[in-house]
Amino acid sequence: YEVDLRTGEGRVLTDREGLTTVGLSFDQRTNYIFAAGGSDDNGYVFDADSGDLVRTYTFDGAGFVNDVIVTREAAYFTDSSGLMLYRVELGPGGQLHGQDAVETLKLSGEFEFAPNEFNANGIEATPDGEWLIVVNSTSGILYRVDPDTGEATEIDLGGQLVTAGDGILLQGNTLYVVRNRLNQIAEIQLSPDLSSGTLSGTITDENFD
């Protein structure tokens, strides 16, 4: 759904029977919307003007493809049921490649995986693409992740957790973390190297239901 934030008016951009879309990321270089396919085991790319499906990427063995972030070099998809990320390499200016551009990165290092639970969910990237940030919904832990290797390091929140963490957005040094079933958005001030952070506030409203 495409909506004008000033008026609230909008239109259905694309509606494809049998196709699931969950997390989204927009690449302004190409005007493409990248969408995580949930239980479809796929990632999708749509034209933001026409809503046309431009490309489908299949992630063999995926459990639940939950969210996506586009950087200068690649699109990264989380799998909430598995211990991996899916990296789709992009060409110059965000040019799309074929299925052979898909690479599976194992989440390693300090990442804690809980079987039969939702794990890696929301994903973000620093503006330079040097680091990814991933939230684990079940443990409530945030991780700084190497986009080349998948190695994860816990971001020290001083004992605070963001359980039910879902979509995340980085604005400067502030990370906003949607906590879905809690109807909250956590505000976290991150250190420049993303090694630590401080929970600085909580946004909530009855309309978040």
N, C-alpha and C. Protein backbone atom coordinates (compact mmCIF):
# COMPACT_ATOMS: atom_id res chain seq x y z
N TYR A 1 0.85 -1.19 0.00
CA TYR A 1 0.00 0.00 0.00
C TYR A 1 0.88 1.23 0.00
N GLU A 2 0.58 2.16 -0.90
CA GLU A 2 1.33 3.41 -1.01
C GLU A 2 0.48 4.52 -0.42
N VAL A 3 1.02 5.25 0.56
CA VAL A 3 0.21 6.24 1.26
C VAL A 3 0.93 7.58 1.31
N ASP A 4 0.18 8.66 1.17
CA ASP A 4 0.69 10.01 1.33
C ASP A 4 0.63 10.35 2.81
N LEU A 5 1.79 10.57 3.44
CA LEU A 5 1.83 10.80 4.88
C LEU A 5 1.24 12.15 5.29
N ARG A 6 1.05 13.04 4.33
CA ARG A 6 0.46 14.34 4.66
C ARG A 6 -1.07 14.26 4.72
N THR A 7 -1.66 13.41 3.87
CA THR A 7 -3.11 13.36 3.77
C THR A 7 -3.73 12.05 4.26
N GLY A 8 -2.92 11.01 4.31
CA GLY A 8 -3.46 9.69 4.65
C GLY A 8 -4.09 8.98 3.48
N GLU A 9 -4.14 9.62 2.34
CA GLU A 9 -4.71 8.99 1.15
C GLU A 9 -3.67 8.09 0.47
N GLY A 10 -4.15 7.04 -0.16
CA GLY A 10 -3.21 6.13 -0.81
C GLY A 10 -3.89 5.17 -1.76
N ARG A 11 -3.13 4.17 -2.18
CA ARG A 11 -3.64 3.19 -3.12
C ARG A 11 -2.91 1.87 -2.93
N VAL A 12 -3.53 0.81 -3.37
CA VAL A 12 -2.87 -0.49 -3.39
C VAL A 12 -1.83 -0.47 -4.50
N LEU A 13 -0.58 -0.70 -4.16
CA LEU A 13 0.50 -0.68 -5.14
C LEU A 13 0.63 -2.03 -5.83
N THR A 14 0.55 -3.11 -5.05
CA THR A 14 0.60 -4.44 -5.64
C THR A 14 -0.19 -5.39 -4.75
N ASP A 15 -0.88 -6.31 -5.38
CA ASP A 15 -1.69 -7.28 -4.66
C ASP A 15 -1.65 -8.58 -5.45
N ARG A 16 -0.79 -9.49 -5.02
CA ARG A 16 -0.60 -10.74 -5.75
C ARG A 16 -1.06 -11.91 -4.88
N GLU A 17 -2.06 -12.61 -5.36
CA GLU A 17 -2.62 -13.73 -4.62
C GLU A 17 -1.55 -14.79 -4.37
N GLY A 18 -1.48 -15.23 -3.10
CA GLY A 18 -0.55 -16.29 -2.75
C GLY A 18 0.86 -15.83 -2.46
N LEU A 19 1.12 -14.52 -2.56
CA LEU A 19 2.47 -14.00 -2.31
C LEU A 19 2.47 -13.23 -0.99
N THR A 20 3.40 -13.57 -0.11
CA THR A 20 3.51 -12.92 1.20
C THR A 20 4.63 -11.89 1.18
N THR A 21 4.39 -10.72 1.77
CA THR A 21 5.47 -9.76 1.99
C THR A 21 5.45 -9.33 3.45
N VAL A 22 6.62 -9.24 4.04
CA VAL A 22 6.74 -8.88 5.45
C VAL A 22 7.59 -7.60 5.54
N GLY A 23 8.85 -7.69 5.94
CA GLY A 23 9.71 -6.52 6.02
C GLY A 23 10.03 -5.95 4.65
N LEU A 24 10.24 -4.63 4.59
CA LEU A 24 10.50 -3.92 3.34
C LEU A 24 11.74 -3.04 3.46
N SER A 25 12.38 -2.80 2.31
CA SER A 25 13.47 -1.83 2.22
C SER A 25 13.44 -1.20 0.84
N PHE A 26 13.72 0.10 0.77
CA PHE A 26 13.63 0.83 -0.49
C PHE A 26 15.01 1.26 -0.95
N ASP A 27 15.31 1.05 -2.23
CA ASP A 27 16.57 1.49 -2.82
C ASP A 27 16.28 2.65 -3.76
N GLN A 28 16.62 3.87 -3.33
CA GLN A 28 16.28 5.05 -4.11
C GLN A 28 17.07 5.13 -5.41
N ARG A 29 18.19 4.37 -5.51
CA ARG A 29 18.97 4.40 -6.73
C ARG A 29 18.21 3.80 -7.90
N THR A 30 17.44 2.77 -7.62
CA THR A 30 16.73 2.05 -8.67
C THR A 30 15.21 2.20 -8.60
N ASN A 31 14.73 2.81 -7.50
CA ASN A 31 13.29 2.92 -7.25
C ASN A 31 12.67 1.53 -7.05
N TYR A 32 13.44 0.64 -6.46
CA TYR A 32 12.97 -0.72 -6.19
C TYR A 32 12.64 -0.90 -4.71
N ILE A 33 11.58 -1.65 -4.44
CA ILE A 33 11.23 -2.06 -3.09
C ILE A 33 11.62 -3.52 -2.93
N PHE A 34 12.44 -3.81 -1.93
CA PHE A 34 12.81 -5.17 -1.59
C PHE A 34 11.89 -5.65 -0.48
N ALA A 35 11.37 -6.86 -0.60
CA ALA A 35 10.41 -7.38 0.37
C ALA A 35 10.80 -8.79 0.81
N ALA A 36 10.75 -9.00 2.13
CA ALA A 36 10.97 -10.34 2.68
C ALA A 36 9.69 -11.15 2.53
N GLY A 37 9.83 -12.42 2.12
CA GLY A 37 8.67 -13.23 1.75
C GLY A 37 8.09 -14.10 2.84
N GLY A 38 8.50 -13.90 4.10
CA GLY A 38 7.92 -14.69 5.19
C GLY A 38 8.13 -16.17 4.98
N SER A 39 7.06 -16.93 5.06
CA SER A 39 7.16 -18.39 4.93
C SER A 39 7.29 -18.84 3.48
N ASP A 40 7.34 -17.89 2.53
CA ASP A 40 7.49 -18.24 1.12
C ASP A 40 8.91 -18.69 0.77
N ASP A 41 9.87 -18.48 1.68
CA ASP A 41 11.29 -18.80 1.42
C ASP A 41 11.89 -17.92 0.32
N ASN A 42 11.29 -16.77 0.07
CA ASN A 42 11.74 -15.92 -1.03
C ASN A 42 12.00 -14.49 -0.58
N GLY A 43 12.74 -13.77 -1.41
CA GLY A 43 12.82 -12.33 -1.34
C GLY A 43 12.33 -11.78 -2.66
N TYR A 44 11.60 -10.67 -2.62
CA TYR A 44 11.00 -10.10 -3.82
C TYR A 44 11.50 -8.69 -4.05
N VAL A 45 11.50 -8.28 -5.33
CA VAL A 45 11.85 -6.91 -5.69
C VAL A 45 10.72 -6.37 -6.56
N PHE A 46 10.17 -5.21 -6.16
CA PHE A 46 9.06 -4.58 -6.88
C PHE A 46 9.48 -3.21 -7.40
N ASP A 47 8.87 -2.81 -8.48
CA ASP A 47 9.02 -1.45 -8.98
C ASP A 47 8.11 -0.53 -8.16
N ALA A 48 8.68 0.52 -7.57
CA ALA A 48 7.90 1.37 -6.66
C ALA A 48 6.88 2.26 -7.37
N ASP A 49 7.01 2.42 -8.68
CA ASP A 49 6.03 3.20 -9.43
C ASP A 49 4.85 2.35 -9.88
N SER A 50 5.16 1.23 -10.50
CA SER A 50 4.11 0.41 -11.10
C SER A 50 3.61 -0.70 -10.20
N GLY A 51 4.43 -1.10 -9.21
CA GLY A 51 4.08 -2.24 -8.37
C GLY A 51 4.42 -3.57 -9.01
N ASP A 52 5.01 -3.54 -10.20
CA ASP A 52 5.35 -4.78 -10.90
C ASP A 52 6.42 -5.56 -10.14
N LEU A 53 6.29 -6.88 -10.16
CA LEU A 53 7.31 -7.75 -9.59
C LEU A 53 8.48 -7.84 -10.57
N VAL A 54 9.65 -7.37 -10.13
CA VAL A 54 10.82 -7.30 -10.99
C VAL A 54 11.68 -8.55 -10.89
N ARG A 55 11.82 -9.07 -9.67
CA ARG A 55 12.71 -10.22 -9.48
C ARG A 55 12.30 -10.99 -8.24
N THR A 56 12.47 -12.31 -8.28
CA THR A 56 12.26 -13.18 -7.13
C THR A 56 13.56 -13.91 -6.83
N TYR A 57 13.98 -13.87 -5.58
CA TYR A 57 15.15 -14.63 -5.14
C TYR A 57 14.68 -15.71 -4.17
N THR A 58 15.14 -16.92 -4.38
CA THR A 58 14.75 -18.04 -3.54
C THR A 58 15.88 -18.39 -2.58
N PHE A 59 15.52 -18.55 -1.30
CA PHE A 59 16.49 -18.90 -0.27
C PHE A 59 16.21 -20.33 0.18
N ASP A 60 16.91 -21.27 -0.40
CA ASP A 60 16.67 -22.68 -0.13
C ASP A 60 16.85 -23.00 1.35
N GLY A 61 15.86 -23.69 1.93
CA GLY A 61 15.94 -24.10 3.32
C GLY A 61 15.55 -23.05 4.32
N ALA A 62 15.08 -21.91 3.84
CA ALA A 62 14.69 -20.83 4.77
C ALA A 62 13.48 -21.24 5.59
N GLY A 63 13.40 -20.71 6.81
CA GLY A 63 12.26 -20.99 7.67
C GLY A 63 11.22 -19.89 7.61
N PHE A 64 11.63 -18.65 7.90
CA PHE A 64 10.73 -17.50 7.82
C PHE A 64 11.57 -16.27 7.49
N VAL A 65 11.49 -15.83 6.25
CA VAL A 65 12.26 -14.68 5.79
C VAL A 65 11.54 -13.42 6.26
N ASN A 66 12.12 -12.71 7.23
CA ASN A 66 11.35 -11.73 7.99
C ASN A 66 11.58 -10.28 7.62
N ASP A 67 12.82 -9.88 7.39
CA ASP A 67 13.09 -8.47 7.15
C ASP A 67 14.25 -8.34 6.19
N VAL A 68 14.45 -7.12 5.66
CA VAL A 68 15.48 -6.88 4.65
C VAL A 68 15.99 -5.46 4.79
N ILE A 69 17.29 -5.27 4.49
CA ILE A 69 17.87 -3.95 4.40
C ILE A 69 18.78 -3.92 3.17
N VAL A 70 18.74 -2.82 2.44
CA VAL A 70 19.57 -2.66 1.26
C VAL A 70 20.72 -1.72 1.58
N THR A 71 21.93 -2.15 1.24
CA THR A 71 23.11 -1.30 1.35
C THR A 71 23.61 -0.99 -0.06
N ARG A 72 24.71 -0.30 -0.15
CA ARG A 72 25.27 0.04 -1.46
C ARG A 72 25.65 -1.22 -2.25
N GLU A 73 26.05 -2.26 -1.54
CA GLU A 73 26.60 -3.43 -2.22
C GLU A 73 25.67 -4.64 -2.25
N ALA A 74 24.68 -4.70 -1.35
CA ALA A 74 23.89 -5.93 -1.26
C ALA A 74 22.58 -5.67 -0.52
N ALA A 75 21.67 -6.62 -0.65
CA ALA A 75 20.46 -6.67 0.17
C ALA A 75 20.62 -7.83 1.13
N TYR A 76 20.28 -7.61 2.40
CA TYR A 76 20.43 -8.63 3.45
C TYR A 76 19.06 -8.97 4.02
N PHE A 77 18.73 -10.26 4.05
CA PHE A 77 17.45 -10.74 4.56
C PHE A 77 17.68 -11.57 5.82
N THR A 78 16.84 -11.38 6.84
CA THR A 78 16.93 -12.21 8.04
C THR A 78 16.02 -13.43 7.90
N ASP A 79 16.40 -14.49 8.62
CA ASP A 79 15.59 -15.71 8.70
C ASP A 79 15.32 -15.95 10.18
N SER A 80 14.08 -15.74 10.61
CA SER A 80 13.77 -15.81 12.03
C SER A 80 13.78 -17.24 12.57
N SER A 81 13.75 -18.23 11.70
CA SER A 81 13.74 -19.62 12.14
C SER A 81 15.09 -20.31 11.98
N GLY A 82 16.06 -19.61 11.44
CA GLY A 82 17.36 -20.22 11.19
C GLY A 82 18.49 -19.35 11.68
N LEU A 83 19.67 -19.90 11.65
CA LEU A 83 20.86 -19.21 12.15
C LEU A 83 21.65 -18.64 10.98
N MET A 84 20.98 -17.85 10.15
CA MET A 84 21.64 -17.32 8.98
C MET A 84 21.00 -16.04 8.49
N LEU A 85 21.78 -15.33 7.65
CA LEU A 85 21.30 -14.21 6.85
C LEU A 85 21.46 -14.61 5.39
N TYR A 86 20.64 -14.00 4.53
CA TYR A 86 20.79 -14.21 3.09
C TYR A 86 21.25 -12.89 2.48
N ARG A 87 22.36 -12.97 1.78
CA ARG A 87 22.96 -11.79 1.15
C ARG A 87 22.75 -11.88 -0.36
N VAL A 88 22.17 -10.84 -0.94
CA VAL A 88 21.98 -10.78 -2.38
C VAL A 88 22.86 -9.65 -2.91
N GLU A 89 23.91 -10.01 -3.60
CA GLU A 89 24.86 -9.01 -4.11
C GLU A 89 24.19 -8.14 -5.18
N LEU A 90 24.48 -6.85 -5.13
CA LEU A 90 23.97 -5.89 -6.10
C LEU A 90 25.12 -5.34 -6.93
N GLY A 91 24.80 -4.95 -8.16
CA GLY A 91 25.80 -4.37 -9.03
C GLY A 91 25.90 -2.88 -8.85
N PRO A 92 26.69 -2.21 -9.69
CA PRO A 92 26.84 -0.75 -9.62
C PRO A 92 25.48 -0.06 -9.71
N GLY A 93 25.26 0.92 -8.82
CA GLY A 93 24.01 1.65 -8.84
C GLY A 93 22.82 0.84 -8.40
N GLY A 94 23.06 -0.31 -7.76
CA GLY A 94 21.97 -1.15 -7.28
C GLY A 94 21.44 -2.13 -8.32
N GLN A 95 22.18 -2.29 -9.41
CA GLN A 95 21.75 -3.20 -10.48
C GLN A 95 21.49 -4.61 -9.93
N LEU A 96 20.39 -5.21 -10.37
CA LEU A 96 20.04 -6.55 -9.92
C LEU A 96 20.78 -7.62 -10.72
N HIS A 97 21.17 -8.67 -10.01
CA HIS A 97 21.74 -9.86 -10.63
C HIS A 97 20.73 -10.99 -10.54
N GLY A 98 21.09 -12.15 -11.05
CA GLY A 98 20.23 -13.31 -11.01
C GLY A 98 20.34 -14.08 -9.70
N GLN A 99 19.78 -15.28 -9.68
CA GLN A 99 19.75 -16.11 -8.49
C GLN A 99 21.15 -16.44 -7.97
N ASP A 100 22.13 -16.45 -8.86
CA ASP A 100 23.50 -16.78 -8.44
C ASP A 100 24.11 -15.70 -7.56
N ALA A 101 23.40 -14.57 -7.38
CA ALA A 101 23.90 -13.51 -6.50
C ALA A 101 23.59 -13.79 -5.03
N VAL A 102 22.82 -14.86 -4.76
CA VAL A 102 22.41 -15.18 -3.39
C VAL A 102 23.52 -15.94 -2.66
N GLU A 103 23.83 -15.49 -1.46
CA GLU A 103 24.82 -16.14 -0.60
C GLU A 103 24.22 -16.29 0.80
N THR A 104 24.46 -17.41 1.44
CA THR A 104 24.01 -17.64 2.81
C THR A 104 25.15 -17.35 3.78
N LEU A 105 24.89 -16.47 4.75
CA LEU A 105 25.87 -16.14 5.78
C LEU A 105 25.39 -16.73 7.11
N LYS A 106 26.20 -17.55 7.73
CA LYS A 106 25.83 -18.08 9.04
C LYS A 106 26.05 -17.01 10.10
N LEU A 107 25.03 -16.82 10.95
CA LEU A 107 25.18 -15.92 12.10
C LEU A 107 26.04 -16.61 13.13
N SER A 108 27.22 -16.08 13.37
CA SER A 108 28.18 -16.73 14.26
C SER A 108 28.57 -15.77 15.38
N GLY A 109 29.67 -16.06 16.04
CA GLY A 109 30.12 -15.22 17.13
C GLY A 109 29.23 -15.34 18.35
N GLU A 110 28.69 -14.22 18.83
CA GLU A 110 27.93 -14.19 20.08
C GLU A 110 26.42 -14.36 19.88
N PHE A 111 25.98 -14.59 18.67
CA PHE A 111 24.54 -14.68 18.43
C PHE A 111 23.95 -15.90 19.13
N GLU A 112 22.90 -15.66 19.95
CA GLU A 112 22.24 -16.74 20.68
C GLU A 112 20.99 -17.17 19.92
N PHE A 113 20.92 -18.47 19.61
CA PHE A 113 19.81 -19.01 18.83
C PHE A 113 18.93 -19.88 19.71
N ALA A 114 17.62 -19.62 19.67
CA ALA A 114 16.65 -20.39 20.45
C ALA A 114 15.82 -21.24 19.50
N PRO A 115 15.99 -22.56 19.51
CA PRO A 115 15.21 -23.42 18.61
C PRO A 115 13.71 -23.26 18.83
N ASN A 116 12.97 -23.33 17.73
CA ASN A 116 11.50 -23.26 17.76
C ASN A 116 10.98 -21.91 18.25
N GLU A 117 11.80 -20.88 18.19
CA GLU A 117 11.39 -19.53 18.55
C GLU A 117 11.74 -18.58 17.41
N PHE A 118 11.18 -17.35 17.45
CA PHE A 118 11.57 -16.31 16.51
C PHE A 118 12.90 -15.73 16.96
N ASN A 119 13.88 -15.74 16.10
CA ASN A 119 15.20 -15.24 16.43
C ASN A 119 15.51 -13.95 15.69
N ALA A 120 16.41 -13.99 14.71
CA ALA A 120 16.76 -12.77 13.97
C ALA A 120 15.52 -12.20 13.31
N ASN A 121 15.25 -10.93 13.58
CA ASN A 121 14.05 -10.30 13.05
C ASN A 121 14.43 -9.02 12.31
N GLY A 122 14.25 -7.86 12.93
CA GLY A 122 14.56 -6.60 12.26
C GLY A 122 16.04 -6.46 11.95
N ILE A 123 16.32 -5.77 10.83
CA ILE A 123 17.72 -5.57 10.41
C ILE A 123 17.89 -4.15 9.90
N GLU A 124 19.03 -3.55 10.21
CA GLU A 124 19.40 -2.22 9.74
C GLU A 124 20.87 -2.26 9.32
N ALA A 125 21.33 -1.15 8.75
CA ALA A 125 22.72 -1.02 8.35
C ALA A 125 23.19 0.40 8.62
N THR A 126 24.47 0.54 8.91
CA THR A 126 25.03 1.88 9.02
C THR A 126 25.08 2.50 7.63
N PRO A 127 25.06 3.83 7.53
CA PRO A 127 25.03 4.48 6.21
C PRO A 127 26.16 4.06 5.28
N ASP A 128 27.33 3.76 5.84
CA ASP A 128 28.45 3.34 5.00
C ASP A 128 28.45 1.85 4.70
N GLY A 129 27.48 1.12 5.27
CA GLY A 129 27.39 -0.32 5.03
C GLY A 129 28.43 -1.14 5.76
N GLU A 130 29.18 -0.51 6.67
CA GLU A 130 30.25 -1.24 7.37
C GLU A 130 29.69 -2.27 8.34
N TRP A 131 28.55 -1.96 8.96
CA TRP A 131 27.95 -2.87 9.94
C TRP A 131 26.46 -3.04 9.68
N LEU A 132 25.97 -4.21 10.05
CA LEU A 132 24.54 -4.46 10.13
C LEU A 132 24.15 -4.49 11.60
N ILE A 133 22.89 -4.18 11.89
CA ILE A 133 22.34 -4.32 13.24
C ILE A 133 21.15 -5.26 13.14
N VAL A 134 21.11 -6.26 14.00
CA VAL A 134 20.05 -7.27 13.99
C VAL A 134 19.50 -7.42 15.39
N VAL A 135 18.16 -7.53 15.50
CA VAL A 135 17.55 -7.77 16.80
C VAL A 135 17.03 -9.20 16.86
N ASN A 136 17.24 -9.86 18.01
CA ASN A 136 16.68 -11.18 18.27
C ASN A 136 15.40 -10.99 19.08
N SER A 137 14.27 -11.34 18.47
CA SER A 137 12.96 -11.08 19.10
C SER A 137 12.79 -11.80 20.43
N THR A 138 13.28 -13.03 20.51
CA THR A 138 13.05 -13.84 21.70
C THR A 138 13.95 -13.43 22.86
N SER A 139 15.23 -13.27 22.60
CA SER A 139 16.17 -12.91 23.67
C SER A 139 16.14 -11.43 24.00
N GLY A 140 15.71 -10.60 23.03
CA GLY A 140 15.73 -9.16 23.24
C GLY A 140 17.10 -8.54 23.13
N ILE A 141 18.03 -9.27 22.52
CA ILE A 141 19.41 -8.78 22.39
C ILE A 141 19.61 -8.18 21.01
N LEU A 142 20.33 -7.06 20.96
CA LEU A 142 20.74 -6.44 19.71
C LEU A 142 22.17 -6.86 19.38
N TYR A 143 22.44 -7.01 18.08
CA TYR A 143 23.77 -7.43 17.66
C TYR A 143 24.30 -6.51 16.57
N ARG A 144 25.59 -6.27 16.64
CA ARG A 144 26.34 -5.67 15.53
C ARG A 144 26.90 -6.83 14.71
N VAL A 145 26.62 -6.82 13.40
CA VAL A 145 26.97 -7.98 12.56
C VAL A 145 27.87 -7.53 11.41
N ASP A 146 28.92 -8.30 11.19
CA ASP A 146 29.82 -8.07 10.06
C ASP A 146 29.10 -8.49 8.78
N PRO A 147 28.89 -7.59 7.82
CA PRO A 147 28.12 -7.93 6.62
C PRO A 147 28.83 -8.88 5.67
N ASP A 148 30.11 -9.09 5.88
CA ASP A 148 30.87 -10.00 5.01
C ASP A 148 30.93 -11.42 5.55
N THR A 149 30.92 -11.55 6.89
CA THR A 149 31.13 -12.86 7.49
C THR A 149 29.93 -13.38 8.28
N GLY A 150 29.04 -12.48 8.73
CA GLY A 150 27.93 -12.88 9.59
C GLY A 150 28.29 -12.97 11.05
N GLU A 151 29.53 -12.62 11.40
CA GLU A 151 29.93 -12.69 12.81
C GLU A 151 29.21 -11.60 13.61
N ALA A 152 28.58 -12.01 14.71
CA ALA A 152 27.74 -11.11 15.51
C ALA A 152 28.37 -10.83 16.86
N THR A 153 28.28 -9.58 17.28
CA THR A 153 28.75 -9.15 18.60
C THR A 153 27.59 -8.47 19.31
N GLU A 154 27.32 -8.89 20.55
CA GLU A 154 26.22 -8.30 21.30
C GLU A 154 26.48 -6.82 21.55
N ILE A 155 25.45 -6.00 21.36
CA ILE A 155 25.51 -4.58 21.71
C ILE A 155 25.10 -4.47 23.18
N ASP A 156 26.00 -4.01 24.02
CA ASP A 156 25.78 -3.96 25.46
C ASP A 156 24.78 -2.84 25.79
N LEU A 157 23.60 -3.23 26.26
CA LEU A 157 22.57 -2.26 26.65
C LEU A 157 22.50 -2.08 28.15
N GLY A 158 23.54 -2.48 28.87
CA GLY A 158 23.57 -2.30 30.31
C GLY A 158 22.52 -3.11 31.04
N GLY A 159 22.22 -4.28 30.52
CA GLY A 159 21.24 -5.15 31.17
C GLY A 159 19.83 -4.99 30.64
N GLN A 160 19.56 -3.95 29.86
CA GLN A 160 18.25 -3.76 29.26
C GLN A 160 18.06 -4.70 28.06
N LEU A 161 16.81 -5.10 27.81
CA LEU A 161 16.50 -5.96 26.68
C LEU A 161 15.38 -5.34 25.85
N VAL A 162 15.30 -5.73 24.59
CA VAL A 162 14.21 -5.28 23.72
C VAL A 162 13.49 -6.52 23.18
N THR A 163 12.96 -7.32 24.12
CA THR A 163 12.18 -8.49 23.73
C THR A 163 10.99 -8.07 22.87
N ALA A 164 10.56 -8.97 22.00
CA ALA A 164 9.52 -8.69 21.00
C ALA A 164 10.01 -7.66 19.98
N GLY A 165 11.34 -7.52 19.88
CA GLY A 165 11.91 -6.60 18.90
C GLY A 165 11.57 -7.01 17.49
N ASP A 166 11.14 -6.05 16.68
CA ASP A 166 10.69 -6.32 15.32
C ASP A 166 11.43 -5.37 14.38
N GLY A 167 10.71 -4.52 13.64
CA GLY A 167 11.38 -3.59 12.74
C GLY A 167 12.26 -2.61 13.49
N ILE A 168 13.41 -2.25 12.89
CA ILE A 168 14.31 -1.29 13.53
C ILE A 168 14.73 -0.23 12.51
N LEU A 169 15.02 0.98 13.02
CA LEU A 169 15.39 2.11 12.16
C LEU A 169 16.50 2.89 12.84
N LEU A 170 17.59 3.12 12.10
CA LEU A 170 18.72 3.88 12.61
C LEU A 170 18.68 5.29 12.04
N GLN A 171 18.65 6.29 12.94
CA GLN A 171 18.68 7.70 12.56
C GLN A 171 19.81 8.35 13.34
N GLY A 172 20.93 8.63 12.66
CA GLY A 172 22.09 9.13 13.38
C GLY A 172 22.59 8.07 14.34
N ASN A 173 22.70 8.42 15.63
CA ASN A 173 23.10 7.45 16.65
C ASN A 173 21.90 6.89 17.41
N THR A 174 20.69 7.23 16.97
CA THR A 174 19.49 6.73 17.64
C THR A 174 18.91 5.55 16.88
N LEU A 175 18.70 4.45 17.59
CA LEU A 175 18.08 3.27 17.01
C LEU A 175 16.67 3.14 17.58
N TYR A 176 15.68 3.09 16.71
CA TYR A 176 14.29 2.87 17.11
C TYR A 176 13.96 1.39 16.91
N VAL A 177 13.46 0.75 17.94
CA VAL A 177 13.15 -0.68 17.90
C VAL A 177 11.67 -0.89 18.19
N VAL A 178 10.92 -1.35 17.19
CA VAL A 178 9.52 -1.70 17.41
C VAL A 178 9.45 -2.94 18.29
N ARG A 179 8.65 -2.86 19.36
CA ARG A 179 8.42 -4.03 20.22
C ARG A 179 6.96 -4.42 20.02
N ASN A 180 6.74 -5.31 19.07
CA ASN A 180 5.42 -5.48 18.47
C ASN A 180 4.27 -5.73 19.45
N ARG A 181 4.29 -6.85 20.14
CA ARG A 181 3.15 -7.20 21.00
C ARG A 181 3.06 -6.31 22.23
N LEU A 182 4.11 -5.57 22.53
CA LEU A 182 4.10 -4.65 23.67
C LEU A 182 3.57 -3.27 23.29
N ASN A 183 3.30 -3.06 22.01
CA ASN A 183 2.80 -1.77 21.53
C ASN A 183 3.75 -0.62 21.90
N GLN A 184 5.04 -0.88 21.75
CA GLN A 184 6.04 0.12 22.12
C GLN A 184 7.09 0.27 21.02
N ILE A 185 7.74 1.42 21.04
CA ILE A 185 8.95 1.64 20.25
C ILE A 185 10.03 2.11 21.22
N ALA A 186 11.10 1.34 21.31
CA ALA A 186 12.21 1.70 22.20
C ALA A 186 13.17 2.63 21.46
N GLU A 187 13.64 3.66 22.18
CA GLU A 187 14.66 4.58 21.65
C GLU A 187 15.98 4.26 22.33
N ILE A 188 16.99 3.95 21.53
CA ILE A 188 18.29 3.56 22.07
C ILE A 188 19.36 4.46 21.47
N GLN A 189 20.18 5.04 22.35
CA GLN A 189 21.31 5.85 21.92
C GLN A 189 22.54 4.94 21.83
N LEU A 190 23.07 4.79 20.61
CA LEU A 190 24.18 3.88 20.38
C LEU A 190 25.51 4.61 20.42
N SER A 191 26.54 3.91 20.87
CA SER A 191 27.89 4.45 20.80
C SER A 191 28.34 4.47 19.34
N PRO A 192 29.31 5.32 18.98
CA PRO A 192 29.74 5.41 17.58
C PRO A 192 30.19 4.09 16.98
N ASP A 193 30.79 3.21 17.79
CA ASP A 193 31.26 1.93 17.25
C ASP A 193 30.22 0.81 17.39
N LEU A 194 29.02 1.15 17.87
CA LEU A 194 27.90 0.20 18.03
C LEU A 194 28.18 -0.90 19.04
N SER A 195 29.16 -0.70 19.89
CA SER A 195 29.46 -1.73 20.89
C SER A 195 28.52 -1.66 22.09
N SER A 196 27.90 -0.51 22.30
CA SER A 196 27.02 -0.35 23.45
C SER A 196 25.91 0.63 23.13
N GLY A 197 24.91 0.66 24.01
CA GLY A 197 23.80 1.58 23.82
C GLY A 197 23.05 1.78 25.11
N THR A 198 22.26 2.85 25.15
CA THR A 198 21.48 3.19 26.33
C THR A 198 20.02 3.40 25.94
N LEU A 199 19.13 2.71 26.64
CA LEU A 199 17.70 2.89 26.42
C LEU A 199 17.31 4.27 26.95
N SER A 200 16.96 5.18 26.04
CA SER A 200 16.74 6.57 26.44
C SER A 200 15.27 6.95 26.51
N GLY A 201 14.40 6.11 25.97
CA GLY A 201 12.98 6.44 26.00
C GLY A 201 12.13 5.37 25.38
N THR A 202 10.83 5.48 25.61
CA THR A 202 9.86 4.55 25.04
C THR A 202 8.69 5.33 24.48
N ILE A 203 8.35 5.05 23.24
CA ILE A 203 7.19 5.67 22.59
C ILE A 203 6.05 4.65 22.61
N THR A 204 4.88 5.07 23.05
CA THR A 204 3.73 4.17 23.03
C THR A 204 2.46 4.98 22.81
N ASP A 205 1.43 4.31 22.34
CA ASP A 205 0.15 4.97 22.06
C ASP A 205 -0.91 3.88 21.90
N GLU A 206 -2.15 4.20 22.27
CA GLU A 206 -3.21 3.20 22.15
C GLU A 206 -3.43 2.81 20.70
N ASN A 207 -3.06 3.66 19.75
CA ASN A 207 -3.22 3.34 18.33
C ASN A 207 -2.21 2.31 17.84
N PHE A 208 -1.22 1.97 18.66
CA PHE A 208 -0.23 0.96 18.27
C PHE A 208 -0.81 -0.47 18.36
N ASP A 209 -1.97 -0.63 18.91
CA ASP A 209 -2.55 -1.94 19.19
C ASP A 209 -2.15 -3.03 18.20
